[in-house]
Amino acid sequence: MKFEPNRELEPPSKTRLKQNATDLQQLGQKLTTYSPAVLRKLLLSEVLISALEEFNRLPNSNEARRRQLQFIGKLMRDLDYDAVIKAIGDMEIGHLRKKKKPSAAKQLCEAILESGNAEINAALEQYPQLNRQTMRQLYREHNRAAETSRDKFKTKLQNYLQKQINS
């Protein structure tokens, strides 16, 4: 019977250690793009936050920034890498959810340009302050215009709707 050493007890290989260090540096590089307030939400140590702030203060000299990233990677060895990655992902997902949806005027403009008179009539029922003639004229001008100048009429219609709906 051949003796096989237990793989779990062996220390990580040099390649694995270098890969871990590179991963930490890359995470540190990503963290340098966040503001100090956001970094504090990620529950990072004050020493690490100040090192990240120092990175942003350094001139664009490659060597100074490279050394600072190595230092940041060293400070990050004590962090739970997976927890920080998860917190960043959750924060970015939350940020995406906070983006506001298109305004009512923009949605109405898109619908009018797509459906025409039927949508204009529906808009008049919902917003009686709108002028049918103005909307139909802008709709017709949009359809007659060349592809390159249609945006001008779309913007005019959207601005008209925005002004009338919000007043």
Protein backbone atom coordinates (compact mmCIF):
# COMPACT_ATOMS: atom_id res chain seq x y z
CA MET A 1 0.00 0.00 0.00
CA LYS A 2 1.40 3.34 -1.08
CA PHE A 3 1.37 6.28 1.32
CA GLU A 4 -0.31 9.40 -0.08
CA PRO A 5 0.11 12.58 1.88
CA ASN A 6 -3.03 14.39 2.94
CA ARG A 7 -3.49 17.29 0.49
CA GLU A 8 -5.39 19.39 3.05
CA LEU A 9 -2.37 19.62 5.33
CA GLU A 10 0.02 20.78 2.63
CA PRO A 11 0.66 24.52 2.45
CA PRO A 12 -0.59 26.32 -0.65
CA SER A 13 1.75 26.33 -3.61
CA LYS A 14 3.81 29.35 -4.52
CA THR A 15 1.67 29.84 -7.62
CA ARG A 16 -1.50 29.84 -5.50
CA LEU A 17 0.02 32.40 -3.11
CA LYS A 18 1.00 34.68 -5.98
CA GLN A 19 -2.47 34.36 -7.50
CA ASN A 20 -4.06 35.27 -4.16
CA ALA A 21 -1.80 38.32 -3.88
CA THR A 22 -2.71 39.41 -7.41
CA ASP A 23 -6.43 38.97 -6.66
CA LEU A 24 -6.08 41.13 -3.56
CA GLN A 25 -4.25 43.82 -5.54
CA GLN A 26 -6.96 43.81 -8.19
CA LEU A 27 -9.65 44.12 -5.53
CA GLY A 28 -7.63 46.96 -4.01
CA GLN A 29 -7.47 48.63 -7.44
CA LYS A 30 -11.25 48.43 -7.66
CA LEU A 31 -11.64 49.81 -4.15
CA THR A 32 -9.61 52.90 -5.08
CA THR A 33 -12.51 54.05 -7.28
CA TYR A 34 -14.92 54.30 -4.33
CA SER A 35 -15.33 57.29 -2.02
CA PRO A 36 -14.29 57.03 1.65
CA ALA A 37 -17.96 57.02 2.72
CA VAL A 38 -18.64 53.98 0.54
CA LEU A 39 -15.49 52.27 1.82
CA ARG A 40 -16.68 52.73 5.39
CA LYS A 41 -19.97 51.04 4.46
CA LEU A 42 -17.92 48.03 3.33
CA LEU A 43 -16.57 47.77 6.88
CA LEU A 44 -12.92 48.12 5.91
CA SER A 45 -10.27 49.03 8.46
CA GLU A 46 -9.32 52.68 8.85
CA VAL A 47 -5.71 51.85 7.92
CA LEU A 48 -6.87 50.32 4.64
CA ILE A 49 -9.22 53.24 3.92
CA SER A 50 -6.42 55.74 4.48
CA ALA A 51 -4.10 53.67 2.23
CA LEU A 52 -6.77 53.75 -0.48
CA GLU A 53 -7.15 57.51 -0.07
CA GLU A 54 -3.37 57.89 -0.27
CA PHE A 55 -3.37 55.96 -3.57
CA ASN A 56 -5.75 58.52 -5.04
CA ARG A 57 -3.54 61.39 -3.87
CA LEU A 58 -0.42 59.98 -5.50
CA PRO A 59 0.70 61.47 -8.80
CA ASN A 60 0.18 59.37 -11.90
CA SER A 61 3.66 57.94 -11.53
CA ASN A 62 3.32 54.24 -12.26
CA GLU A 63 5.94 53.12 -9.76
CA ALA A 64 4.45 54.99 -6.78
CA ARG A 65 0.96 53.73 -7.50
CA ARG A 66 2.22 50.18 -8.09
CA ARG A 67 3.97 50.15 -4.72
CA GLN A 68 0.89 51.58 -3.02
CA LEU A 69 -1.27 48.85 -4.60
CA GLN A 70 1.12 46.24 -3.27
CA PHE A 71 0.81 47.81 0.18
CA ILE A 72 -2.99 47.82 -0.13
CA GLY A 73 -2.87 44.14 -1.13
CA LYS A 74 -0.75 43.42 1.96
CA LEU A 75 -3.26 45.20 4.20
CA MET A 76 -6.08 43.25 2.60
CA ARG A 77 -4.62 39.87 3.54
CA ASP A 78 -6.49 40.09 6.84
CA LEU A 79 -9.83 40.76 5.12
CA ASP A 80 -12.45 38.21 4.21
CA TYR A 81 -12.06 38.45 0.42
CA ASP A 82 -15.39 36.78 -0.37
CA ALA A 83 -17.33 38.99 2.07
CA VAL A 84 -15.89 42.18 0.53
CA ILE A 85 -16.68 40.96 -3.00
CA LYS A 86 -20.25 40.14 -1.92
CA ALA A 87 -20.66 43.55 -0.24
CA ILE A 88 -19.44 45.34 -3.38
CA GLY A 89 -21.83 43.29 -5.52
CA ASP A 90 -24.76 44.03 -3.20
CA MET A 91 -23.89 47.71 -3.16
CA GLU A 92 -23.71 47.88 -6.98
CA ILE A 93 -27.00 46.01 -7.34
CA GLY A 94 -28.61 48.44 -4.89
CA HIS A 95 -27.23 51.35 -6.89
CA LEU A 96 -28.73 49.95 -10.09
CA ARG A 97 -32.12 49.56 -8.42
CA LYS A 98 -32.09 53.21 -7.34
CA LYS A 99 -31.87 54.46 -10.92
CA LYS A 100 -35.13 56.18 -11.66
CA LYS A 101 -37.44 55.00 -14.36
CA PRO A 102 -38.18 57.23 -17.36
CA SER A 103 -40.49 60.16 -16.73
CA ALA A 104 -44.16 60.06 -17.69
CA ALA A 105 -43.52 62.61 -20.45
CA LYS A 106 -40.75 60.50 -21.96
CA GLN A 107 -42.86 57.34 -21.88
CA LEU A 108 -45.81 59.20 -23.38
CA CYS A 109 -43.60 60.68 -26.11
CA GLU A 110 -42.29 57.22 -27.05
CA ALA A 111 -45.85 55.85 -27.15
CA ILE A 112 -47.11 58.72 -29.33
CA LEU A 113 -44.26 58.35 -31.80
CA GLU A 114 -44.88 54.62 -31.97
CA SER A 115 -48.70 54.52 -32.13
CA GLY A 116 -49.72 57.94 -33.46
CA ASN A 117 -53.30 59.22 -33.22
CA ALA A 118 -54.59 56.45 -30.98
CA GLU A 119 -51.99 57.30 -28.36
CA ILE A 120 -52.60 61.04 -28.77
CA ASN A 121 -56.30 60.45 -28.00
CA ALA A 122 -55.41 58.35 -24.96
CA ALA A 123 -53.02 61.07 -23.77
CA LEU A 124 -55.75 63.70 -24.11
CA GLU A 125 -58.06 61.61 -21.92
CA GLN A 126 -55.37 61.33 -19.27
CA TYR A 127 -54.08 64.92 -19.57
CA PRO A 128 -56.84 67.25 -20.83
CA GLN A 129 -54.50 70.28 -20.71
CA LEU A 130 -52.59 68.95 -23.76
CA ASN A 131 -53.23 70.42 -27.21
CA ARG A 132 -54.18 67.83 -29.82
CA GLN A 133 -53.06 70.00 -32.75
CA THR A 134 -49.58 70.59 -31.30
CA MET A 135 -49.02 66.89 -30.59
CA ARG A 136 -50.27 65.81 -34.03
CA GLN A 137 -48.10 68.42 -35.74
CA LEU A 138 -44.96 67.28 -33.89
CA TYR A 139 -45.86 63.64 -34.60
CA ARG A 140 -46.25 64.33 -38.34
CA GLU A 141 -43.04 66.37 -38.51
CA HIS A 142 -41.19 63.54 -36.79
CA ASN A 143 -42.46 60.99 -39.32
CA ARG A 144 -41.73 63.21 -42.33
CA ALA A 145 -38.22 64.11 -41.22
CA ALA A 146 -35.14 62.28 -42.37
CA GLU A 147 -33.72 59.70 -39.97
CA THR A 148 -30.90 62.05 -38.97
CA SER A 149 -33.17 64.92 -37.90
CA ARG A 150 -35.94 62.96 -36.17
CA ASP A 151 -34.35 63.40 -32.76
CA LYS A 152 -35.03 67.14 -32.95
CA PHE A 153 -38.80 66.58 -33.22
CA LYS A 154 -38.76 63.84 -30.62
CA THR A 155 -37.07 66.27 -28.22
CA LYS A 156 -39.57 69.01 -29.05
CA LEU A 157 -42.50 66.68 -28.36
CA GLN A 158 -40.94 65.42 -25.16
CA ASN A 159 -40.26 68.97 -23.93
CA TYR A 160 -43.83 70.03 -24.78
CA LEU A 161 -45.27 67.07 -22.87
CA GLN A 162 -42.95 67.62 -19.93
CA LYS A 163 -43.93 71.30 -19.70
CA GLN A 164 -47.67 70.60 -19.97
CA ILE A 165 -47.82 67.59 -17.65
CA ASN A 166 -45.74 69.17 -14.87
CA SER A 167 -47.50 72.55 -14.92
